[in-house]
Amino acid sequence: RLVVLAATFWLMFFWTIPVGLITTFSQLENLVRLFPVLKPIMHDHVMSPRVRDVLSSFIPVLVLKGFMSLLPYILGAMAMMEGIEA
């Protein structure tokens, strides 16, 4: 029981690190820096600034939502280890 309690504390404490990294790397400018293949697509004559703005506002949210959807499974597994039925 104490192991699961400690693991829960550390999970909550260190959850901010991957969330911060995902938020940083999922921004459109950083994605273009990480994946130079995207650079030609990001020019104004290929993609309008309005579409680029929409993408830059939705991509970080979608990636973070996908990552956050893992948390209930992790906590559910920890609860099963402790013997609590969810």
PDB file of N, CA and C in Angstrom:
ATOM      1  N   ARG A   1       0.825  -1.189   0.000  1.00  0.00           N
ATOM      2  CA  ARG A   1       0.000   0.000   0.000  1.00  0.00           C
ATOM      3  C   ARG A   1       0.874   1.260   0.000  1.00  0.00           C
ATOM      4  N   LEU A   2       1.928   1.232   0.754  1.00  0.00           N
ATOM      5  CA  LEU A   2       2.816   2.383   0.843  1.00  0.00           C
ATOM      6  C   LEU A   2       3.547   2.620  -0.481  1.00  0.00           C
ATOM      7  N   VAL A   3       3.872   1.543  -1.181  1.00  0.00           N
ATOM      8  CA  VAL A   3       4.548   1.664  -2.476  1.00  0.00           C
ATOM      9  C   VAL A   3       3.640   2.365  -3.485  1.00  0.00           C
ATOM     10  N   VAL A   4       2.379   1.968  -3.513  1.00  0.00           N
ATOM     11  CA  VAL A   4       1.430   2.586  -4.451  1.00  0.00           C
ATOM     12  C   VAL A   4       1.186   4.040  -4.076  1.00  0.00           C
ATOM     13  N   LEU A   5       1.124   4.338  -2.799  1.00  0.00           N
ATOM     14  CA  LEU A   5       0.948   5.722  -2.347  1.00  0.00           C
ATOM     15  C   LEU A   5       2.144   6.582  -2.776  1.00  0.00           C
ATOM     16  N   ALA A   6       3.344   6.053  -2.593  1.00  0.00           N
ATOM     17  CA  ALA A   6       4.535   6.789  -3.009  1.00  0.00           C
ATOM     18  C   ALA A   6       4.572   6.943  -4.532  1.00  0.00           C
ATOM     19  N   ALA A   7       4.204   5.874  -5.256  1.00  0.00           N
ATOM     20  CA  ALA A   7       4.194   5.950  -6.722  1.00  0.00           C
ATOM     21  C   ALA A   7       3.174   6.980  -7.204  1.00  0.00           C
ATOM     22  N   THR A   8       2.027   7.045  -6.545  1.00  0.00           N
ATOM     23  CA  THR A   8       1.004   8.036  -6.910  1.00  0.00           C
ATOM     24  C   THR A   8       1.527   9.447  -6.676  1.00  0.00           C
ATOM     25  N   PHE A   9       2.181   9.661  -5.547  1.00  0.00           N
ATOM     26  CA  PHE A   9       2.744  10.986  -5.262  1.00  0.00           C
ATOM     27  C   PHE A   9       3.759  11.384  -6.329  1.00  0.00           C
ATOM     28  N   TRP A  10       4.688  10.491  -6.656  1.00  0.00           N
ATOM     29  CA  TRP A  10       5.712  10.809  -7.637  1.00  0.00           C
ATOM     30  C   TRP A  10       5.131  10.973  -9.031  1.00  0.00           C
ATOM     31  N   LEU A  11       4.099  10.196  -9.335  1.00  0.00           N
ATOM     32  CA  LEU A  11       3.449  10.347 -10.638  1.00  0.00           C
ATOM     33  C   LEU A  11       2.827  11.735 -10.754  1.00  0.00           C
ATOM     34  N   MET A  12       2.120  12.157  -9.719  1.00  0.00           N
ATOM     35  CA  MET A  12       1.493  13.483  -9.752  1.00  0.00           C
ATOM     36  C   MET A  12       2.542  14.594  -9.739  1.00  0.00           C
ATOM     37  N   PHE A  13       3.600  14.386  -8.990  1.00  0.00           N
ATOM     38  CA  PHE A  13       4.648  15.403  -8.895  1.00  0.00           C
ATOM     39  C   PHE A  13       5.394  15.564 -10.217  1.00  0.00           C
ATOM     40  N   PHE A  14       5.737  14.456 -10.855  1.00  0.00           N
ATOM     41  CA  PHE A  14       6.527  14.512 -12.077  1.00  0.00           C
ATOM     42  C   PHE A  14       5.698  14.508 -13.352  1.00  0.00           C
ATOM     43  N   TRP A  15       4.395  14.498 -13.252  1.00  0.00           N
ATOM     44  CA  TRP A  15       3.537  14.538 -14.437  1.00  0.00           C
ATOM     45  C   TRP A  15       3.716  15.856 -15.180  1.00  0.00           C
ATOM     46  N   THR A  16       4.094  16.896 -14.483  1.00  0.00           N
ATOM     47  CA  THR A  16       4.245  18.212 -15.118  1.00  0.00           C
ATOM     48  C   THR A  16       5.405  18.240 -16.112  1.00  0.00           C
ATOM     49  N   ILE A  17       6.418  17.411 -15.910  1.00  0.00           N
ATOM     50  CA  ILE A  17       7.573  17.421 -16.809  1.00  0.00           C
ATOM     51  C   ILE A  17       7.183  16.957 -18.215  1.00  0.00           C
ATOM     52  N   PRO A  18       6.562  15.766 -18.378  1.00  0.00           N
ATOM     53  CA  PRO A  18       6.174  15.393 -19.743  1.00  0.00           C
ATOM     54  C   PRO A  18       5.092  16.292 -20.321  1.00  0.00           C
ATOM     55  N   VAL A  19       4.208  16.817 -19.479  1.00  0.00           N
ATOM     56  CA  VAL A  19       3.180  17.730 -19.988  1.00  0.00           C
ATOM     57  C   VAL A  19       3.831  18.988 -20.550  1.00  0.00           C
ATOM     58  N   GLY A  20       4.818  19.521 -19.841  1.00  0.00           N
ATOM     59  CA  GLY A  20       5.531  20.696 -20.337  1.00  0.00           C
ATOM     60  C   GLY A  20       6.289  20.413 -21.620  1.00  0.00           C
ATOM     61  N   LEU A  21       6.934  19.252 -21.694  1.00  0.00           N
ATOM     62  CA  LEU A  21       7.667  18.889 -22.905  1.00  0.00           C
ATOM     63  C   LEU A  21       6.728  18.702 -24.094  1.00  0.00           C
ATOM     64  N   ILE A  22       5.616  18.037 -23.861  1.00  0.00           N
ATOM     65  CA  ILE A  22       4.653  17.821 -24.943  1.00  0.00           C
ATOM     66  C   ILE A  22       4.090  19.147 -25.423  1.00  0.00           C
ATOM     67  N   THR A  23       3.772  20.026 -24.495  1.00  0.00           N
ATOM     68  CA  THR A  23       3.239  21.331 -24.875  1.00  0.00           C
ATOM     69  C   THR A  23       4.261  22.119 -25.677  1.00  0.00           C
ATOM     70  N   THR A  24       5.502  22.062 -25.278  1.00  0.00           N
ATOM     71  CA  THR A  24       6.554  22.798 -25.989  1.00  0.00           C
ATOM     72  C   THR A  24       6.787  22.230 -27.377  1.00  0.00           C
ATOM     73  N   PHE A  25       6.928  20.908 -27.474  1.00  0.00           N
ATOM     74  CA  PHE A  25       7.274  20.299 -28.757  1.00  0.00           C
ATOM     75  C   PHE A  25       6.100  20.209 -29.716  1.00  0.00           C
ATOM     76  N   SER A  26       4.874  20.315 -29.219  1.00  0.00           N
ATOM     77  CA  SER A  26       3.741  20.204 -30.121  1.00  0.00           C
ATOM     78  C   SER A  26       3.327  21.543 -30.724  1.00  0.00           C
ATOM     79  N   GLN A  27       3.991  22.616 -30.351  1.00  0.00           N
ATOM     80  CA  GLN A  27       3.704  23.899 -30.980  1.00  0.00           C
ATOM     81  C   GLN A  27       4.228  23.871 -32.407  1.00  0.00           C
ATOM     82  N   LEU A  28       3.520  24.503 -33.291  1.00  0.00           N
ATOM     83  CA  LEU A  28       3.790  24.411 -34.719  1.00  0.00           C
ATOM     84  C   LEU A  28       5.211  24.835 -35.085  1.00  0.00           C
ATOM     85  N   GLU A  29       5.696  25.900 -34.485  1.00  0.00           N
ATOM     86  CA  GLU A  29       7.046  26.363 -34.794  1.00  0.00           C
ATOM     87  C   GLU A  29       8.087  25.320 -34.389  1.00  0.00           C
ATOM     88  N   ASN A  30       7.883  24.694 -33.241  1.00  0.00           N
ATOM     89  CA  ASN A  30       8.830  23.681 -32.779  1.00  0.00           C
ATOM     90  C   ASN A  30       8.723  22.405 -33.603  1.00  0.00           C
ATOM     91  N   LEU A  31       7.527  22.085 -34.061  1.00  0.00           N
ATOM     92  CA  LEU A  31       7.377  20.911 -34.927  1.00  0.00           C
ATOM     93  C   LEU A  31       8.125  21.103 -36.246  1.00  0.00           C
ATOM     94  N   VAL A  32       8.067  22.310 -36.779  1.00  0.00           N
ATOM     95  CA  VAL A  32       8.791  22.597 -38.024  1.00  0.00           C
ATOM     96  C   VAL A  32      10.295  22.501 -37.782  1.00  0.00           C
ATOM     97  N   ARG A  33      10.734  22.941 -36.589  1.00  0.00           N
ATOM     98  CA  ARG A  33      12.156  22.840 -36.252  1.00  0.00           C
ATOM     99  C   ARG A  33      12.581  21.377 -36.083  1.00  0.00           C
ATOM    100  N   LEU A  34      11.708  20.562 -35.483  1.00  0.00           N
ATOM    101  CA  LEU A  34      12.026  19.143 -35.282  1.00  0.00           C
ATOM    102  C   LEU A  34      11.939  18.338 -36.568  1.00  0.00           C
ATOM    103  N   PHE A  35      10.953  18.670 -37.399  1.00  0.00           N
ATOM    104  CA  PHE A  35      10.721  17.950 -38.649  1.00  0.00           C
ATOM    105  C   PHE A  35      10.847  18.928 -39.813  1.00  0.00           C
ATOM    106  N   PRO A  36      12.034  19.100 -40.364  1.00  0.00           N
ATOM    107  CA  PRO A  36      12.241  20.064 -41.453  1.00  0.00           C
ATOM    108  C   PRO A  36      11.411  19.764 -42.688  1.00  0.00           C
ATOM    109  N   VAL A  37      10.866  18.561 -42.794  1.00  0.00           N
ATOM    110  CA  VAL A  37      10.011  18.208 -43.936  1.00  0.00           C
ATOM    111  C   VAL A  37       8.771  19.101 -43.971  1.00  0.00           C
ATOM    112  N   LEU A  38       8.337  19.574 -42.816  1.00  0.00           N
ATOM    113  CA  LEU A  38       7.135  20.417 -42.747  1.00  0.00           C
ATOM    114  C   LEU A  38       7.382  21.854 -43.211  1.00  0.00           C
ATOM    115  N   LYS A  39       8.629  22.254 -43.301  1.00  0.00           N
ATOM    116  CA  LYS A  39       8.948  23.644 -43.622  1.00  0.00           C
ATOM    117  C   LYS A  39       8.342  24.118 -44.946  1.00  0.00           C
ATOM    118  N   PRO A  40       8.421  23.348 -46.049  1.00  0.00           N
ATOM    119  CA  PRO A  40       7.818  23.831 -47.295  1.00  0.00           C
ATOM    120  C   PRO A  40       6.295  24.004 -47.209  1.00  0.00           C
ATOM    121  N   ILE A  41       5.666  23.244 -46.377  1.00  0.00           N
ATOM    122  CA  ILE A  41       4.205  23.334 -46.247  1.00  0.00           C
ATOM    123  C   ILE A  41       3.799  24.605 -45.528  1.00  0.00           C
ATOM    124  N   MET A  42       4.661  25.112 -44.670  1.00  0.00           N
ATOM    125  CA  MET A  42       4.309  26.245 -43.825  1.00  0.00           C
ATOM    126  C   MET A  42       4.431  27.602 -44.508  1.00  0.00           C
ATOM    127  N   HIS A  43       4.870  27.666 -45.753  1.00  0.00           N
ATOM    128  CA  HIS A  43       4.965  28.947 -46.452  1.00  0.00           C
ATOM    129  C   HIS A  43       3.571  29.502 -46.741  1.00  0.00           C
ATOM    130  N   ASP A  44       3.488  30.815 -46.866  1.00  0.00           N
ATOM    131  CA  ASP A  44       2.203  31.477 -47.066  1.00  0.00           C
ATOM    132  C   ASP A  44       1.512  31.063 -48.358  1.00  0.00           C
ATOM    133  N   HIS A  45       2.271  30.737 -49.394  1.00  0.00           N
ATOM    134  CA  HIS A  45       1.629  30.382 -50.661  1.00  0.00           C
ATOM    135  C   HIS A  45       1.067  28.963 -50.637  1.00  0.00           C
ATOM    136  N   VAL A  46       1.468  28.136 -49.685  1.00  0.00           N
ATOM    137  CA  VAL A  46       0.939  26.776 -49.586  1.00  0.00           C
ATOM    138  C   VAL A  46      -0.190  26.717 -48.565  1.00  0.00           C
ATOM    139  N   MET A  47       0.023  27.349 -47.427  1.00  0.00           N
ATOM    140  CA  MET A  47      -0.970  27.319 -46.351  1.00  0.00           C
ATOM    141  C   MET A  47      -1.268  28.744 -45.918  1.00  0.00           C
ATOM    142  N   SER A  48      -2.528  29.077 -45.855  1.00  0.00           N
ATOM    143  CA  SER A  48      -2.894  30.437 -45.477  1.00  0.00           C
ATOM    144  C   SER A  48      -2.575  30.671 -43.999  1.00  0.00           C
ATOM    145  N   PRO A  49      -2.319  31.904 -43.635  1.00  0.00           N
ATOM    146  CA  PRO A  49      -2.035  32.207 -42.224  1.00  0.00           C
ATOM    147  C   PRO A  49      -3.190  31.815 -41.303  1.00  0.00           C
ATOM    148  N   ARG A  50      -4.403  31.887 -41.799  1.00  0.00           N
ATOM    149  CA  ARG A  50      -5.560  31.524 -40.983  1.00  0.00           C
ATOM    150  C   ARG A  50      -5.544  30.030 -40.651  1.00  0.00           C
ATOM    151  N   VAL A  51      -5.232  29.191 -41.647  1.00  0.00           N
ATOM    152  CA  VAL A  51      -5.149  27.752 -41.417  1.00  0.00           C
ATOM    153  C   VAL A  51      -3.995  27.454 -40.469  1.00  0.00           C
ATOM    154  N   ARG A  52      -2.883  28.136 -40.651  1.00  0.00           N
ATOM    155  CA  ARG A  52      -1.731  27.951 -39.772  1.00  0.00           C
ATOM    156  C   ARG A  52      -2.080  28.317 -38.330  1.00  0.00           C
ATOM    157  N   ASP A  53      -2.854  29.391 -38.145  1.00  0.00           N
ATOM    158  CA  ASP A  53      -3.264  29.786 -36.799  1.00  0.00           C
ATOM    159  C   ASP A  53      -4.182  28.744 -36.162  1.00  0.00           C
ATOM    160  N   VAL A  54      -5.090  28.206 -36.966  1.00  0.00           N
ATOM    161  CA  VAL A  54      -5.992  27.174 -36.446  1.00  0.00           C
ATOM    162  C   VAL A  54      -5.193  25.938 -36.038  1.00  0.00           C
ATOM    163  N   LEU A  55      -4.264  25.527 -36.892  1.00  0.00           N
ATOM    164  CA  LEU A  55      -3.437  24.366 -36.566  1.00  0.00           C
ATOM    165  C   LEU A  55      -2.581  24.609 -35.334  1.00  0.00           C
ATOM    166  N   SER A  56      -2.005  25.798 -35.239  1.00  0.00           N
ATOM    167  CA  SER A  56      -1.141  26.074 -34.095  1.00  0.00           C
ATOM    168  C   SER A  56      -1.918  26.164 -32.789  1.00  0.00           C
ATOM    169  N   SER A  57      -3.206  26.411 -32.862  1.00  0.00           N
ATOM    170  CA  SER A  57      -3.986  26.435 -31.628  1.00  0.00           C
ATOM    171  C   SER A  57      -4.569  25.065 -31.280  1.00  0.00           C
ATOM    172  N   PHE A  58      -4.780  24.189 -32.268  1.00  0.00           N
ATOM    173  CA  PHE A  58      -5.383  22.889 -31.981  1.00  0.00           C
ATOM    174  C   PHE A  58      -4.383  21.758 -31.782  1.00  0.00           C
ATOM    175  N   ILE A  59      -3.235  21.797 -32.441  1.00  0.00           N
ATOM    176  CA  ILE A  59      -2.282  20.689 -32.334  1.00  0.00           C
ATOM    177  C   ILE A  59      -1.811  20.480 -30.888  1.00  0.00           C
ATOM    178  N   PRO A  60      -1.379  21.521 -30.162  1.00  0.00           N
ATOM    179  CA  PRO A  60      -0.948  21.274 -28.779  1.00  0.00           C
ATOM    180  C   PRO A  60      -2.060  20.707 -27.898  1.00  0.00           C
ATOM    181  N   VAL A  61      -3.272  21.174 -28.102  1.00  0.00           N
ATOM    182  CA  VAL A  61      -4.396  20.688 -27.296  1.00  0.00           C
ATOM    183  C   VAL A  61      -4.670  19.223 -27.584  1.00  0.00           C
ATOM    184  N   LEU A  62      -4.659  18.830 -28.844  1.00  0.00           N
ATOM    185  CA  LEU A  62      -4.932  17.433 -29.192  1.00  0.00           C
ATOM    186  C   LEU A  62      -3.839  16.491 -28.702  1.00  0.00           C
ATOM    187  N   VAL A  63      -2.597  16.899 -28.837  1.00  0.00           N
ATOM    188  CA  VAL A  63      -1.496  16.052 -28.370  1.00  0.00           C
ATOM    189  C   VAL A  63      -1.539  15.914 -26.849  1.00  0.00           C
ATOM    190  N   LEU A  64      -1.792  17.004 -26.160  1.00  0.00           N
ATOM    191  CA  LEU A  64      -1.867  16.959 -24.708  1.00  0.00           C
ATOM    192  C   LEU A  64      -3.065  16.144 -24.237  1.00  0.00           C
ATOM    193  N   LYS A  65      -4.166  16.257 -24.943  1.00  0.00           N
ATOM    194  CA  LYS A  65      -5.348  15.458 -24.595  1.00  0.00           C
ATOM    195  C   LYS A  65      -5.065  13.969 -24.765  1.00  0.00           C
ATOM    196  N   GLY A  66      -4.354  13.615 -25.818  1.00  0.00           N
ATOM    197  CA  GLY A  66      -3.983  12.215 -26.007  1.00  0.00           C
ATOM    198  C   GLY A  66      -3.084  11.708 -24.893  1.00  0.00           C
ATOM    199  N   PHE A  67      -2.137  12.544 -24.469  1.00  0.00           N
ATOM    200  CA  PHE A  67      -1.252  12.146 -23.385  1.00  0.00           C
ATOM    201  C   PHE A  67      -2.010  12.047 -22.066  1.00  0.00           C
ATOM    202  N   MET A  68      -2.890  12.997 -21.814  1.00  0.00           N
ATOM    203  CA  MET A  68      -3.656  12.989 -20.563  1.00  0.00           C
ATOM    204  C   MET A  68      -4.625  11.812 -20.486  1.00  0.00           C
ATOM    205  N   SER A  69      -5.008  11.284 -21.647  1.00  0.00           N
ATOM    206  CA  SER A  69      -5.921  10.134 -21.628  1.00  0.00           C
ATOM    207  C   SER A  69      -5.241   8.876 -21.087  1.00  0.00           C
ATOM    208  N   LEU A  70      -3.923   8.880 -20.987  1.00  0.00           N
ATOM    209  CA  LEU A  70      -3.201   7.751 -20.408  1.00  0.00           C
ATOM    210  C   LEU A  70      -3.300   7.711 -18.887  1.00  0.00           C
ATOM    211  N   LEU A  71      -3.513   8.849 -18.265  1.00  0.00           N
ATOM    212  CA  LEU A  71      -3.499   8.933 -16.809  1.00  0.00           C
ATOM    213  C   LEU A  71      -4.532   8.027 -16.135  1.00  0.00           C
ATOM    214  N   PRO A  72      -5.784   7.958 -16.585  1.00  0.00           N
ATOM    215  CA  PRO A  72      -6.728   7.049 -15.914  1.00  0.00           C
ATOM    216  C   PRO A  72      -6.292   5.585 -15.974  1.00  0.00           C
ATOM    217  N   TYR A  73      -5.664   5.181 -17.069  1.00  0.00           N
ATOM    218  CA  TYR A  73      -5.198   3.794 -17.170  1.00  0.00           C
ATOM    219  C   TYR A  73      -4.048   3.524 -16.200  1.00  0.00           C
ATOM    220  N   ILE A  74      -3.154   4.497 -16.072  1.00  0.00           N
ATOM    221  CA  ILE A  74      -2.035   4.342 -15.146  1.00  0.00           C
ATOM    222  C   ILE A  74      -2.553   4.277 -13.708  1.00  0.00           C
ATOM    223  N   LEU A  75      -3.449   5.194 -13.365  1.00  0.00           N
ATOM    224  CA  LEU A  75      -3.991   5.199 -12.007  1.00  0.00           C
ATOM    225  C   LEU A  75      -4.853   3.969 -11.744  1.00  0.00           C
ATOM    226  N   GLY A  76      -5.581   3.501 -12.757  1.00  0.00           N
ATOM    227  CA  GLY A  76      -6.371   2.277 -12.604  1.00  0.00           C
ATOM    228  C   GLY A  76      -5.488   1.067 -12.360  1.00  0.00           C
ATOM    229  N   ALA A  77      -4.361   0.973 -13.058  1.00  0.00           N
ATOM    230  CA  ALA A  77      -3.420  -0.120 -12.834  1.00  0.00           C
ATOM    231  C   ALA A  77      -2.832  -0.054 -11.431  1.00  0.00           C
ATOM    232  N   MET A  78      -2.552   1.150 -10.976  1.00  0.00           N
ATOM    233  CA  MET A  78      -2.016   1.296  -9.622  1.00  0.00           C
ATOM    234  C   MET A  78      -3.065   0.917  -8.589  1.00  0.00           C
ATOM    235  N   ALA A  79      -4.307   1.259  -8.840  1.00  0.00           N
ATOM    236  CA  ALA A  79      -5.380   0.893  -7.909  1.00  0.00           C
ATOM    237  C   ALA A  79      -5.562  -0.623  -7.881  1.00  0.00           C
ATOM    238  N   MET A  80      -5.437  -1.286  -9.026  1.00  0.00           N
ATOM    239  CA  MET A  80      -5.544  -2.747  -9.054  1.00  0.00           C
ATOM    240  C   MET A  80      -4.385  -3.382  -8.300  1.00  0.00           C
ATOM    241  N   MET A  81      -3.203  -2.789  -8.376  1.00  0.00           N
ATOM    242  CA  MET A  81      -2.067  -3.306  -7.627  1.00  0.00           C
ATOM    243  C   MET A  81      -2.322  -3.230  -6.132  1.00  0.00           C
ATOM    244  N   GLU A  82      -3.063  -2.194  -5.735  1.00  0.00           N
ATOM    245  CA  GLU A  82      -3.373  -2.015  -4.321  1.00  0.00           C
ATOM    246  C   GLU A  82      -4.540  -2.883  -3.879  1.00  0.00           C
ATOM    247  N   GLY A  83      -5.289  -3.396  -4.842  1.00  0.00           N
ATOM    248  CA  GLY A  83      -6.407  -4.262  -4.526  1.00  0.00           C
ATOM    249  C   GLY A  83      -7.758  -3.544  -4.520  1.00  0.00           C
ATOM    250  N   ILE A  84      -7.794  -2.321  -5.013  1.00  0.00           N
ATOM    251  CA  ILE A  84      -9.043  -1.576  -5.071  1.00  0.00           C
ATOM    252  C   ILE A  84      -9.682  -1.836  -6.417  1.00  0.00           C
ATOM    253  N   GLU A  85     -10.947  -2.210  -6.419  1.00  0.00           N
ATOM    254  CA  GLU A  85     -11.657  -2.423  -7.685  1.00  0.00           C
ATOM    255  C   GLU A  85     -12.245  -1.116  -8.150  1.00  0.00           C
ATOM    256  N   ALA A  86     -12.001  -0.798  -9.396  1.00  0.00           N
ATOM    257  CA  ALA A  86     -12.520   0.461  -9.931  1.00  0.00           C
ATOM    258  C   ALA A  86     -13.674   0.191 -10.851  1.00  0.00           C
TER     259      ALA A  86
END
